[in-house]
C-alpha atoms as a PDB file:
ATOM      1  CA  UNK A   1      27.390  -1.511  21.005  1.00  0.00           C
ATOM      2  CA  UNK A   2      25.420  -0.789  24.118  1.00  0.00           C
ATOM      3  CA  UNK A   3      22.331   1.321  23.492  1.00  0.00           C
ATOM      4  CA  UNK A   4      22.598   0.989  19.730  1.00  0.00           C
ATOM      5  CA  UNK A   5      19.154   0.794  18.121  1.00  0.00           C
ATOM      6  CA  UNK A   6      19.257  -0.920  14.747  1.00  0.00           C
ATOM      7  CA  UNK A   7      16.129   0.545  13.146  1.00  0.00           C
ATOM      8  CA  UNK A   8      16.844  -1.193   9.827  1.00  0.00           C
ATOM      9  CA  UNK A   9      15.623  -4.478  11.276  1.00  0.00           C
ATOM     10  CA  UNK A  10      12.541  -2.887  12.833  1.00  0.00           C
ATOM     11  CA  UNK A  11       9.333  -4.169  11.276  1.00  0.00           C
ATOM     12  CA  UNK A  12       6.565  -1.525  11.270  1.00  0.00           C
ATOM     13  CA  UNK A  13       3.494  -2.428  13.294  1.00  0.00           C
ATOM     14  CA  UNK A  14       0.268  -1.627  11.365  1.00  0.00           C
ATOM     15  CA  UNK A  15      -2.197   0.698  13.086  1.00  0.00           C
ATOM     16  CA  UNK A  16      -5.728  -0.430  13.945  1.00  0.00           C
ATOM     17  CA  UNK A  17      -6.859   0.746  10.495  1.00  0.00           C
ATOM     18  CA  UNK A  18      -4.283  -1.547   8.904  1.00  0.00           C
ATOM     19  CA  UNK A  19      -5.562  -4.770  10.466  1.00  0.00           C
ATOM     20  CA  UNK A  20      -7.895  -5.444   7.506  1.00  0.00           C
ATOM     21  CA  UNK A  21      -5.246  -4.822   4.870  1.00  0.00           C
ATOM     22  CA  UNK A  22      -2.890  -7.771   5.225  1.00  0.00           C
ATOM     23  CA  UNK A  23      -0.412  -8.811   2.541  1.00  0.00           C
ATOM     24  CA  UNK A  24      -2.120 -10.080  -0.657  1.00  0.00           C
ATOM     25  CA  UNK A  25      -5.445  -8.395   0.230  1.00  0.00           C
ATOM     26  CA  UNK A  26      -7.325  -7.050  -2.795  1.00  0.00           C
ATOM     27  CA  UNK A  27      -8.153  -3.363  -2.369  1.00  0.00           C
ATOM     28  CA  UNK A  28      -9.693  -0.417  -4.176  1.00  0.00           C
ATOM     29  CA  UNK A  29      -8.843   3.272  -3.798  1.00  0.00           C
ATOM     30  CA  UNK A  30      -9.072   6.666  -5.511  1.00  0.00           C
ATOM     31  CA  UNK A  31      -6.062   8.692  -6.652  1.00  0.00           C
ATOM     32  CA  UNK A  32      -6.496  11.965  -8.547  1.00  0.00           C
ATOM     33  CA  UNK A  33     -10.170  11.138  -9.122  1.00  0.00           C
ATOM     34  CA  UNK A  34      -9.274   7.749 -10.599  1.00  0.00           C
ATOM     35  CA  UNK A  35     -10.781   4.576  -9.160  1.00  0.00           C
ATOM     36  CA  UNK A  36      -8.077   1.910  -9.037  1.00  0.00           C
ATOM     37  CA  UNK A  37      -7.685  -1.603  -7.681  1.00  0.00           C
ATOM     38  CA  UNK A  38      -4.633  -3.461  -6.536  1.00  0.00           C
ATOM     39  CA  UNK A  39      -3.019  -5.864  -4.108  1.00  0.00           C
ATOM     40  CA  UNK A  40      -1.324  -5.033  -0.792  1.00  0.00           C
ATOM     41  CA  UNK A  41       2.323  -6.082  -0.961  1.00  0.00           C
ATOM     42  CA  UNK A  42       3.529  -4.654   2.361  1.00  0.00           C
ATOM     43  CA  UNK A  43       2.027  -3.171   5.507  1.00  0.00           C
ATOM     44  CA  UNK A  44       3.502  -0.048   7.044  1.00  0.00           C
ATOM     45  CA  UNK A  45       2.399   1.746  10.221  1.00  0.00           C
ATOM     46  CA  UNK A  46      -0.272   4.023   8.701  1.00  0.00           C
ATOM     47  CA  UNK A  47      -0.112   3.021   5.046  1.00  0.00           C
ATOM     48  CA  UNK A  48       0.197   0.078   2.719  1.00  0.00           C
ATOM     49  CA  UNK A  49       2.334  -0.511  -0.332  1.00  0.00           C
ATOM     50  CA  UNK A  50      -0.095  -1.480  -3.111  1.00  0.00           C
ATOM     51  CA  UNK A  51       0.690  -2.989  -6.493  1.00  0.00           C
ATOM     52  CA  UNK A  52      -1.792  -1.500  -8.968  1.00  0.00           C
ATOM     53  CA  UNK A  53      -3.771  -3.877 -11.172  1.00  0.00           C
ATOM     54  CA  UNK A  54      -2.653  -3.357 -14.746  1.00  0.00           C
ATOM     55  CA  UNK A  55      -5.565  -2.543 -17.040  1.00  0.00           C
ATOM     56  CA  UNK A  56      -5.639  -0.790 -20.415  1.00  0.00           C
ATOM     57  CA  UNK A  57      -7.432   2.257 -18.956  1.00  0.00           C
ATOM     58  CA  UNK A  58      -4.727   2.922 -16.328  1.00  0.00           C
ATOM     59  CA  UNK A  59      -1.654   1.989 -18.363  1.00  0.00           C
ATOM     60  CA  UNK A  60      -0.181   5.515 -18.240  1.00  0.00           C
ATOM     61  CA  UNK A  61      -0.637   5.797 -14.453  1.00  0.00           C
ATOM     62  CA  UNK A  62       0.965   2.375 -13.913  1.00  0.00           C
ATOM     63  CA  UNK A  63       3.922   3.484 -16.051  1.00  0.00           C
ATOM     64  CA  UNK A  64       4.302   6.757 -14.106  1.00  0.00           C
ATOM     65  CA  UNK A  65       4.268   5.016 -10.711  1.00  0.00           C
ATOM     66  CA  UNK A  66       6.085   1.830 -11.714  1.00  0.00           C
ATOM     67  CA  UNK A  67       2.840   0.104 -10.783  1.00  0.00           C
ATOM     68  CA  UNK A  68       3.263   0.687  -7.056  1.00  0.00           C
ATOM     69  CA  UNK A  69       1.839   3.306  -4.667  1.00  0.00           C
ATOM     70  CA  UNK A  70       1.946   3.927  -0.929  1.00  0.00           C
ATOM     71  CA  UNK A  71      -1.513   4.838   0.323  1.00  0.00           C
ATOM     72  CA  UNK A  72      -3.017   5.533   3.745  1.00  0.00           C
ATOM     73  CA  UNK A  73      -5.190   2.757   5.178  1.00  0.00           C
ATOM     74  CA  UNK A  74      -8.083   5.224   5.598  1.00  0.00           C
ATOM     75  CA  UNK A  75      -8.217   5.618   1.799  1.00  0.00           C
ATOM     76  CA  UNK A  76      -8.343   1.866   1.100  1.00  0.00           C
ATOM     77  CA  UNK A  77     -11.348  -0.420   0.806  1.00  0.00           C
ATOM     78  CA  UNK A  78     -11.299  -4.223   0.691  1.00  0.00           C
ATOM     79  CA  UNK A  79     -12.593  -5.697  -2.560  1.00  0.00           C
END
C-alpha cells in the first residue's frame, strides 16, 4: 500500500533523558513513597519498562504489578 505507515514495527527513540537508561541498566526510583530498585528491560520515548527487584519487603507490590512498571526517565536514577 502506498502511504501506509506500519507503526507496529516502529521502534521508539529514547529522549535525551533516556540515554543513560539502556537495557539491563540497574536503576532506583520511588513509587508511592517506596524506594525500589530494578533493571531496565525496554526503553520507550519518555519512559522505561523496569523489572522490579524482588525482595521480601516489596513482595506485595511486586505481586500487584507483576514485577514490572513503566516509569518516566526523570524519576529514575542509575545505581
